[in-house]
Amino acid sequence: MIIDEDWQKDYPSTEEVTEESLDDNSSLKKMLNLVEDGRDRDVIDFGCATGYLSNLLQKKGCTVTGIEINVDAAKIAEKYCQQVIVADLDFVSLTAILPSHKFDVAMFGDVLEHLRNPSKTLKETKQILKEDGYVIASIPNIAHAAIRLSLLQGRFEYTDLGILDNTHLKFFTRKTVKDLFEKAGYLVEIIDCTKLDCFSESSLIPQNEISEFHVDTIRKIQEDEDCDTLQFIIRAYPLSQN
């Protein structure tokens, strides 16, 4: 199989990613920690890519079904999943492609912001969860201080990675993350966050020079609890199956 390196450049190496190798500030680590060990865990991994999260889940004893839009990535992920379904979540019905399968956990690792209608997907997800099932998700924070500072300079420039990834269709703050899940019929907990200082040299956030801002401006922005929040880590429980 010929693999186009461009589409896989953002994916970590599946074989090299282990639970022990993950930084405690990693969204993968934080999401993984919310899944209980045991072979009774039936998990669906939305946007499974090449299966790097699925691999970690199956090592915890979970049975994993993957959903992936990219055919080549899905082929690789089949090694780590019981089944991989190639589908675009914006154009399929989950109950149609999974008519009789119920899951303990639905994982959305930086996926919902890529969808045209994430609320629709979350509503449909309720119908494929077991009675005590739940959703675990990570979602980038558009209110990160680096974004706010760049806006003060009139800059909102898309990038290949990070909060302003050029494939993101939706942007969320702490409040709108909760609104998204609650309007879709969930009881939502923002369990944790990944952190990144606003002046870090990172491709995940806009680069700003601290000398270009008044100290009072920086202090005011840094008073916000989410000034250095890169991603929200969410656990959400359906209020009903409808």
C-alpha atoms as a PDB file:
ATOM      1  CA  MET A   1       0.000   0.000   0.000  1.00  0.00           C
ATOM      2  CA  ILE A   2       1.335   3.447  -0.948  1.00  0.00           C
ATOM      3  CA  ILE A   3       0.950   5.960   1.858  1.00  0.00           C
ATOM      4  CA  ASP A   4       0.864   9.705   1.188  1.00  0.00           C
ATOM      5  CA  GLU A   5       3.072  11.126   3.931  1.00  0.00           C
ATOM      6  CA  ASP A   6       1.183  14.438   3.976  1.00  0.00           C
ATOM      7  CA  TRP A   7      -1.999  13.010   5.506  1.00  0.00           C
ATOM      8  CA  GLN A   8      -0.165  11.102   8.246  1.00  0.00           C
ATOM      9  CA  LYS A   9       2.276  13.847   9.291  1.00  0.00           C
ATOM     10  CA  ASP A  10       0.067  14.908  12.220  1.00  0.00           C
ATOM     11  CA  TYR A  11      -0.363  11.403  13.642  1.00  0.00           C
ATOM     12  CA  PRO A  12       1.955  10.052  16.329  1.00  0.00           C
ATOM     13  CA  SER A  13       3.712   6.774  15.566  1.00  0.00           C
ATOM     14  CA  THR A  14       1.246   4.111  16.715  1.00  0.00           C
ATOM     15  CA  GLU A  15       3.816   1.552  17.803  1.00  0.00           C
ATOM     16  CA  GLU A  16       5.888   4.105  19.721  1.00  0.00           C
ATOM     17  CA  VAL A  17       2.971   5.576  21.682  1.00  0.00           C
ATOM     18  CA  THR A  18       2.575   3.766  24.993  1.00  0.00           C
ATOM     19  CA  GLU A  19       0.670   4.802  28.080  1.00  0.00           C
ATOM     20  CA  GLU A  20       3.989   5.133  29.931  1.00  0.00           C
ATOM     21  CA  SER A  21       5.496   7.355  27.232  1.00  0.00           C
ATOM     22  CA  LEU A  22       2.649   9.887  27.296  1.00  0.00           C
ATOM     23  CA  ASP A  23       3.193  13.159  29.102  1.00  0.00           C
ATOM     24  CA  ASP A  24       0.778  13.776  31.985  1.00  0.00           C
ATOM     25  CA  ASN A  25      -0.280  16.955  30.140  1.00  0.00           C
ATOM     26  CA  SER A  26      -1.254  14.955  27.042  1.00  0.00           C
ATOM     27  CA  SER A  27      -4.917  14.806  26.056  1.00  0.00           C
ATOM     28  CA  LEU A  28      -4.422  11.159  25.103  1.00  0.00           C
ATOM     29  CA  LYS A  29      -3.196  10.373  28.617  1.00  0.00           C
ATOM     30  CA  LYS A  30      -5.992  12.301  30.279  1.00  0.00           C
ATOM     31  CA  MET A  31      -8.690  10.698  28.116  1.00  0.00           C
ATOM     32  CA  LEU A  32      -7.229   7.244  28.565  1.00  0.00           C
ATOM     33  CA  ASN A  33      -7.263   7.660  32.345  1.00  0.00           C
ATOM     34  CA  LEU A  34     -11.041   8.169  32.223  1.00  0.00           C
ATOM     35  CA  VAL A  35     -11.632   4.720  30.715  1.00  0.00           C
ATOM     36  CA  GLU A  36     -11.836   1.925  33.256  1.00  0.00           C
ATOM     37  CA  ASP A  37      -9.658  -1.124  32.693  1.00  0.00           C
ATOM     38  CA  GLY A  38     -11.356  -4.376  31.826  1.00  0.00           C
ATOM     39  CA  ARG A  39     -12.570  -6.485  28.970  1.00  0.00           C
ATOM     40  CA  ASP A  40     -16.144  -5.396  29.535  1.00  0.00           C
ATOM     41  CA  ARG A  41     -15.308  -2.002  28.080  1.00  0.00           C
ATOM     42  CA  ASP A  42     -16.700  -1.772  24.551  1.00  0.00           C
ATOM     43  CA  VAL A  43     -15.358   1.471  23.081  1.00  0.00           C
ATOM     44  CA  ILE A  44     -16.005   3.381  19.869  1.00  0.00           C
ATOM     45  CA  ASP A  45     -13.102   5.598  18.785  1.00  0.00           C
ATOM     46  CA  PHE A  46     -14.399   8.381  16.524  1.00  0.00           C
ATOM     47  CA  GLY A  47     -11.735   9.737  14.191  1.00  0.00           C
ATOM     48  CA  CYS A  48      -9.454   6.834  15.066  1.00  0.00           C
ATOM     49  CA  ALA A  49      -6.856   7.857  12.413  1.00  0.00           C
ATOM     50  CA  THR A  50      -4.102   5.207  12.316  1.00  0.00           C
ATOM     51  CA  GLY A  51      -5.277   3.685  15.593  1.00  0.00           C
ATOM     52  CA  TYR A  52      -2.827   5.206  18.076  1.00  0.00           C
ATOM     53  CA  LEU A  53      -5.551   5.746  20.713  1.00  0.00           C
ATOM     54  CA  SER A  54      -7.287   2.493  19.784  1.00  0.00           C
ATOM     55  CA  ASN A  55      -4.019   0.656  20.373  1.00  0.00           C
ATOM     56  CA  LEU A  56      -3.748   2.095  23.892  1.00  0.00           C
ATOM     57  CA  LEU A  57      -7.385   1.213  24.592  1.00  0.00           C
ATOM     58  CA  GLN A  58      -7.030  -2.400  23.488  1.00  0.00           C
ATOM     59  CA  LYS A  59      -3.931  -2.724  25.665  1.00  0.00           C
ATOM     60  CA  LYS A  60      -6.174  -1.748  28.602  1.00  0.00           C
ATOM     61  CA  GLY A  61      -8.399  -4.687  27.710  1.00  0.00           C
ATOM     62  CA  CYS A  62     -11.016  -2.755  25.746  1.00  0.00           C
ATOM     63  CA  THR A  63     -12.692  -3.923  22.563  1.00  0.00           C
ATOM     64  CA  VAL A  64     -12.481  -1.057  20.069  1.00  0.00           C
ATOM     65  CA  THR A  65     -14.507  -0.104  17.014  1.00  0.00           C
ATOM     66  CA  GLY A  66     -13.015   2.710  14.951  1.00  0.00           C
ATOM     67  CA  ILE A  67     -14.691   5.307  12.740  1.00  0.00           C
ATOM     68  CA  GLU A  68     -12.372   7.073  10.295  1.00  0.00           C
ATOM     69  CA  ILE A  69     -12.873   9.246   7.213  1.00  0.00           C
ATOM     70  CA  ASN A  70      -9.479   8.531   5.635  1.00  0.00           C
ATOM     71  CA  VAL A  71      -9.310   5.171   3.856  1.00  0.00           C
ATOM     72  CA  ASP A  72      -5.523   4.767   4.153  1.00  0.00           C
ATOM     73  CA  ALA A  73      -5.495   5.625   7.860  1.00  0.00           C
ATOM     74  CA  ALA A  74      -8.372   3.233   8.452  1.00  0.00           C
ATOM     75  CA  LYS A  75      -6.403   0.392   6.841  1.00  0.00           C
ATOM     76  CA  ILE A  76      -3.616   0.889   9.384  1.00  0.00           C
ATOM     77  CA  ALA A  77      -6.076   1.217  12.290  1.00  0.00           C
ATOM     78  CA  GLU A  78      -7.586  -2.184  11.497  1.00  0.00           C
ATOM     79  CA  LYS A  79      -4.587  -3.721  13.258  1.00  0.00           C
ATOM     80  CA  TYR A  80      -5.732  -2.227  16.567  1.00  0.00           C
ATOM     81  CA  CYS A  81      -9.522  -2.352  16.249  1.00  0.00           C
ATOM     82  CA  GLN A  82     -12.054  -5.141  16.112  1.00  0.00           C
ATOM     83  CA  GLN A  83     -13.649  -3.233  13.238  1.00  0.00           C
ATOM     84  CA  VAL A  84     -12.968   0.032  11.414  1.00  0.00           C
ATOM     85  CA  ILE A  85     -15.761   1.737   9.501  1.00  0.00           C
ATOM     86  CA  VAL A  86     -14.826   4.334   6.876  1.00  0.00           C
ATOM     87  CA  ALA A  87     -17.399   7.117   7.176  1.00  0.00           C
ATOM     88  CA  ASP A  88     -17.851  10.881   7.181  1.00  0.00           C
ATOM     89  CA  LEU A  89     -19.733  11.729  10.377  1.00  0.00           C
ATOM     90  CA  ASP A  90     -21.363  14.720   8.697  1.00  0.00           C
ATOM     91  CA  PHE A  91     -23.086  12.501   6.132  1.00  0.00           C
ATOM     92  CA  VAL A  92     -23.957   9.220   7.853  1.00  0.00           C
ATOM     93  CA  SER A  93     -26.424   8.060  10.469  1.00  0.00           C
ATOM     94  CA  LEU A  94     -24.694   6.286  13.348  1.00  0.00           C
ATOM     95  CA  THR A  95     -27.683   4.023  13.914  1.00  0.00           C
ATOM     96  CA  ALA A  96     -27.564   3.067  10.229  1.00  0.00           C
ATOM     97  CA  ILE A  97     -23.893   2.049  10.224  1.00  0.00           C
ATOM     98  CA  LEU A  98     -24.084   0.564  13.742  1.00  0.00           C
ATOM     99  CA  PRO A  99     -27.657  -0.810  13.817  1.00  0.00           C
ATOM    100  CA  SER A 100     -27.244  -3.278  16.681  1.00  0.00           C
ATOM    101  CA  HIS A 101     -24.049  -2.283  18.481  1.00  0.00           C
ATOM    102  CA  LYS A 102     -24.067  -0.598  21.900  1.00  0.00           C
ATOM    103  CA  PHE A 103     -20.954   0.861  23.526  1.00  0.00           C
ATOM    104  CA  ASP A 104     -19.760   1.583  27.043  1.00  0.00           C
ATOM    105  CA  VAL A 105     -17.663   4.564  25.963  1.00  0.00           C
ATOM    106  CA  ALA A 106     -17.586   6.889  22.949  1.00  0.00           C
ATOM    107  CA  MET A 107     -14.252   8.664  22.411  1.00  0.00           C
ATOM    108  CA  PHE A 108     -13.945  11.953  20.502  1.00  0.00           C
ATOM    109  CA  GLY A 109     -10.268  12.939  20.565  1.00  0.00           C
ATOM    110  CA  ASP A 110     -10.154  16.410  18.944  1.00  0.00           C
ATOM    111  CA  VAL A 111     -12.915  15.418  16.518  1.00  0.00           C
ATOM    112  CA  LEU A 112     -16.043  17.455  17.270  1.00  0.00           C
ATOM    113  CA  GLU A 113     -14.507  20.751  16.157  1.00  0.00           C
ATOM    114  CA  HIS A 114     -13.992  19.260  12.679  1.00  0.00           C
ATOM    115  CA  LEU A 115     -17.696  18.524  12.152  1.00  0.00           C
ATOM    116  CA  ARG A 116     -20.318  20.672  10.468  1.00  0.00           C
ATOM    117  CA  ASN A 117     -22.908  19.640  13.023  1.00  0.00           C
ATOM    118  CA  PRO A 118     -21.286  18.201  16.173  1.00  0.00           C
ATOM    119  CA  SER A 119     -24.574  18.479  18.052  1.00  0.00           C
ATOM    120  CA  LYS A 120     -26.226  16.061  15.597  1.00  0.00           C
ATOM    121  CA  THR A 121     -23.392  13.556  16.070  1.00  0.00           C
ATOM    122  CA  LEU A 122     -23.618  13.799  19.856  1.00  0.00           C
ATOM    123  CA  LYS A 123     -27.387  13.289  19.778  1.00  0.00           C
ATOM    124  CA  GLU A 124     -26.979  10.199  17.601  1.00  0.00           C
ATOM    125  CA  THR A 125     -24.200   8.911  19.855  1.00  0.00           C
ATOM    126  CA  LYS A 126     -26.672   8.650  22.737  1.00  0.00           C
ATOM    127  CA  GLN A 127     -28.552   6.020  20.746  1.00  0.00           C
ATOM    128  CA  ILE A 128     -25.496   3.741  20.440  1.00  0.00           C
ATOM    129  CA  LEU A 129     -24.457   3.961  24.099  1.00  0.00           C
ATOM    130  CA  LYS A 130     -25.374   1.391  26.720  1.00  0.00           C
ATOM    131  CA  GLU A 131     -27.613   2.480  29.573  1.00  0.00           C
ATOM    132  CA  ASP A 132     -24.623   3.501  31.708  1.00  0.00           C
ATOM    133  CA  GLY A 133     -22.446   4.561  28.769  1.00  0.00           C
ATOM    134  CA  TYR A 134     -20.731   7.919  28.444  1.00  0.00           C
ATOM    135  CA  VAL A 135     -18.712  10.165  26.146  1.00  0.00           C
ATOM    136  CA  ILE A 136     -15.084  11.209  26.638  1.00  0.00           C
ATOM    137  CA  ALA A 137     -13.839  14.071  24.472  1.00  0.00           C
ATOM    138  CA  SER A 138     -11.054  16.573  24.045  1.00  0.00           C
ATOM    139  CA  ILE A 139     -11.824  19.935  22.417  1.00  0.00           C
ATOM    140  CA  PRO A 140      -9.432  22.874  21.770  1.00  0.00           C
ATOM    141  CA  ASN A 141      -9.976  26.175  23.588  1.00  0.00           C
ATOM    142  CA  ILE A 142     -10.351  29.176  21.283  1.00  0.00           C
ATOM    143  CA  ALA A 143     -10.109  31.517  24.298  1.00  0.00           C
ATOM    144  CA  HIS A 144      -6.437  30.626  24.921  1.00  0.00           C
ATOM    145  CA  ALA A 145      -4.413  33.746  25.741  1.00  0.00           C
ATOM    146  CA  ALA A 146      -2.259  33.373  22.619  1.00  0.00           C
ATOM    147  CA  ILE A 147      -5.387  33.650  20.461  1.00  0.00           C
ATOM    148  CA  ARG A 148      -6.604  36.689  22.382  1.00  0.00           C
ATOM    149  CA  LEU A 149      -3.258  38.452  22.094  1.00  0.00           C
ATOM    150  CA  SER A 150      -2.988  37.788  18.373  1.00  0.00           C
ATOM    151  CA  LEU A 151      -6.520  39.148  17.875  1.00  0.00           C
ATOM    152  CA  LEU A 152      -5.457  42.359  19.605  1.00  0.00           C
ATOM    153  CA  GLN A 153      -2.952  42.719  16.770  1.00  0.00           C
ATOM    154  CA  GLY A 154      -5.596  41.955  14.155  1.00  0.00           C
ATOM    155  CA  ARG A 155      -4.320  38.434  13.467  1.00  0.00           C
ATOM    156  CA  PHE A 156      -6.422  35.279  13.095  1.00  0.00           C
ATOM    157  CA  GLU A 157      -4.287  33.059  10.908  1.00  0.00           C
ATOM    158  CA  TYR A 158      -5.027  29.394  10.277  1.00  0.00           C
ATOM    159  CA  THR A 159      -2.238  26.870  10.710  1.00  0.00           C
ATOM    160  CA  ASP A 160      -1.558  23.209   9.961  1.00  0.00           C
ATOM    161  CA  LEU A 161      -1.837  22.191  13.625  1.00  0.00           C
ATOM    162  CA  GLY A 162      -3.222  23.337  16.938  1.00  0.00           C
ATOM    163  CA  ILE A 163      -6.104  25.553  17.981  1.00  0.00           C
ATOM    164  CA  LEU A 164      -6.319  27.291  14.601  1.00  0.00           C
ATOM    165  CA  ASP A 165      -5.969  24.097  12.576  1.00  0.00           C
ATOM    166  CA  ASN A 166      -7.213  24.912   9.085  1.00  0.00           C
ATOM    167  CA  THR A 167      -9.599  21.942   9.130  1.00  0.00           C
ATOM    168  CA  HIS A 168     -11.486  23.156  12.213  1.00  0.00           C
ATOM    169  CA  LEU A 169     -15.063  24.154  11.414  1.00  0.00           C
ATOM    170  CA  LYS A 170     -16.166  25.051  14.959  1.00  0.00           C
ATOM    171  CA  PHE A 171     -14.467  26.853  17.847  1.00  0.00           C
ATOM    172  CA  PHE A 172     -15.265  26.456  21.535  1.00  0.00           C
ATOM    173  CA  THR A 173     -14.771  28.126  24.898  1.00  0.00           C
ATOM    174  CA  ARG A 174     -15.466  26.564  28.294  1.00  0.00           C
ATOM    175  CA  LYS A 175     -19.037  27.886  28.166  1.00  0.00           C
ATOM    176  CA  THR A 176     -19.800  26.811  24.607  1.00  0.00           C
ATOM    177  CA  VAL A 177     -18.333  23.338  25.202  1.00  0.00           C
ATOM    178  CA  LYS A 178     -20.844  22.883  28.008  1.00  0.00           C
ATOM    179  CA  ASP A 179     -23.603  24.390  25.865  1.00  0.00           C
ATOM    180  CA  LEU A 180     -22.818  21.967  23.027  1.00  0.00           C
ATOM    181  CA  PHE A 181     -23.201  18.897  25.223  1.00  0.00           C
ATOM    182  CA  GLU A 182     -26.121  20.151  27.292  1.00  0.00           C
ATOM    183  CA  LYS A 183     -28.155  21.106  24.211  1.00  0.00           C
ATOM    184  CA  ALA A 184     -27.454  17.635  22.803  1.00  0.00           C
ATOM    185  CA  GLY A 185     -28.927  16.131  25.994  1.00  0.00           C
ATOM    186  CA  TYR A 186     -25.939  15.360  28.216  1.00  0.00           C
ATOM    187  CA  LEU A 187     -24.884  16.003  31.779  1.00  0.00           C
ATOM    188  CA  VAL A 188     -21.370  17.296  31.162  1.00  0.00           C
ATOM    189  CA  GLU A 189     -18.315  17.477  33.363  1.00  0.00           C
ATOM    190  CA  ILE A 190     -15.204  19.341  32.257  1.00  0.00           C
ATOM    191  CA  ILE A 191     -12.881  16.976  34.043  1.00  0.00           C
ATOM    192  CA  ASP A 192      -9.516  18.386  33.138  1.00  0.00           C
ATOM    193  CA  CYS A 193      -7.518  20.543  30.726  1.00  0.00           C
ATOM    194  CA  THR A 194      -4.233  20.375  28.914  1.00  0.00           C
ATOM    195  CA  LYS A 195      -2.096  23.466  29.454  1.00  0.00           C
ATOM    196  CA  LEU A 196       0.268  25.515  27.297  1.00  0.00           C
ATOM    197  CA  ASP A 197       1.776  28.868  28.268  1.00  0.00           C
ATOM    198  CA  CYS A 198       0.707  31.636  25.901  1.00  0.00           C
ATOM    199  CA  PHE A 199       4.297  32.566  24.996  1.00  0.00           C
ATOM    200  CA  SER A 200       5.456  28.990  24.407  1.00  0.00           C
ATOM    201  CA  GLU A 201       7.323  28.318  21.177  1.00  0.00           C
ATOM    202  CA  SER A 202       4.758  25.870  19.855  1.00  0.00           C
ATOM    203  CA  SER A 203       3.075  25.243  16.508  1.00  0.00           C
ATOM    204  CA  LEU A 204      -0.179  24.669  18.416  1.00  0.00           C
ATOM    205  CA  ILE A 205      -0.752  28.377  19.173  1.00  0.00           C
ATOM    206  CA  PRO A 206      -0.022  31.741  17.499  1.00  0.00           C
ATOM    207  CA  GLN A 207       3.413  33.169  18.276  1.00  0.00           C
ATOM    208  CA  ASN A 208       3.413  36.548  20.038  1.00  0.00           C
ATOM    209  CA  GLU A 209       6.225  38.727  21.347  1.00  0.00           C
ATOM    210  CA  ILE A 210       5.721  39.632  24.999  1.00  0.00           C
ATOM    211  CA  SER A 211       7.432  43.009  24.413  1.00  0.00           C
ATOM    212  CA  GLU A 212       4.621  44.046  22.045  1.00  0.00           C
ATOM    213  CA  PHE A 213       1.993  44.149  24.795  1.00  0.00           C
ATOM    214  CA  HIS A 214       1.503  46.352  27.824  1.00  0.00           C
ATOM    215  CA  VAL A 215       2.042  44.493  31.093  1.00  0.00           C
ATOM    216  CA  ASP A 216      -1.510  45.369  32.200  1.00  0.00           C
ATOM    217  CA  THR A 217      -2.951  43.780  29.054  1.00  0.00           C
ATOM    218  CA  ILE A 218      -1.088  40.537  29.688  1.00  0.00           C
ATOM    219  CA  ARG A 219      -2.030  40.525  33.360  1.00  0.00           C
ATOM    220  CA  LYS A 220      -5.712  41.060  32.561  1.00  0.00           C
ATOM    221  CA  ILE A 221      -5.803  38.206  30.062  1.00  0.00           C
ATOM    222  CA  GLN A 222      -3.909  35.907  32.403  1.00  0.00           C
ATOM    223  CA  GLU A 223      -6.521  36.445  35.113  1.00  0.00           C
ATOM    224  CA  ASP A 224      -8.866  34.177  33.192  1.00  0.00           C
ATOM    225  CA  GLU A 225      -8.864  30.555  34.393  1.00  0.00           C
ATOM    226  CA  ASP A 226      -8.509  29.283  30.834  1.00  0.00           C
ATOM    227  CA  CYS A 227      -5.775  31.632  29.644  1.00  0.00           C
ATOM    228  CA  ASP A 228      -3.366  28.710  29.266  1.00  0.00           C
ATOM    229  CA  THR A 229      -5.938  25.984  28.560  1.00  0.00           C
ATOM    230  CA  LEU A 230      -5.104  24.291  25.266  1.00  0.00           C
ATOM    231  CA  GLN A 231      -7.832  21.614  25.349  1.00  0.00           C
ATOM    232  CA  PHE A 232     -10.789  20.771  27.529  1.00  0.00           C
ATOM    233  CA  ILE A 233     -11.159  17.135  28.596  1.00  0.00           C
ATOM    234  CA  ILE A 234     -14.821  16.245  28.925  1.00  0.00           C
ATOM    235  CA  ARG A 235     -16.840  13.372  30.292  1.00  0.00           C
ATOM    236  CA  ALA A 236     -20.559  13.486  29.532  1.00  0.00           C
ATOM    237  CA  TYR A 237     -23.505  11.248  30.397  1.00  0.00           C
ATOM    238  CA  PRO A 238     -26.710  11.065  28.334  1.00  0.00           C
ATOM    239  CA  LEU A 239     -29.778  12.311  30.154  1.00  0.00           C
ATOM    240  CA  SER A 240     -31.832   9.968  27.961  1.00  0.00           C
ATOM    241  CA  GLN A 241     -31.348   7.711  24.940  1.00  0.00           C
ATOM    242  CA  ASN A 242     -33.579   9.925  22.768  1.00  0.00           C
END
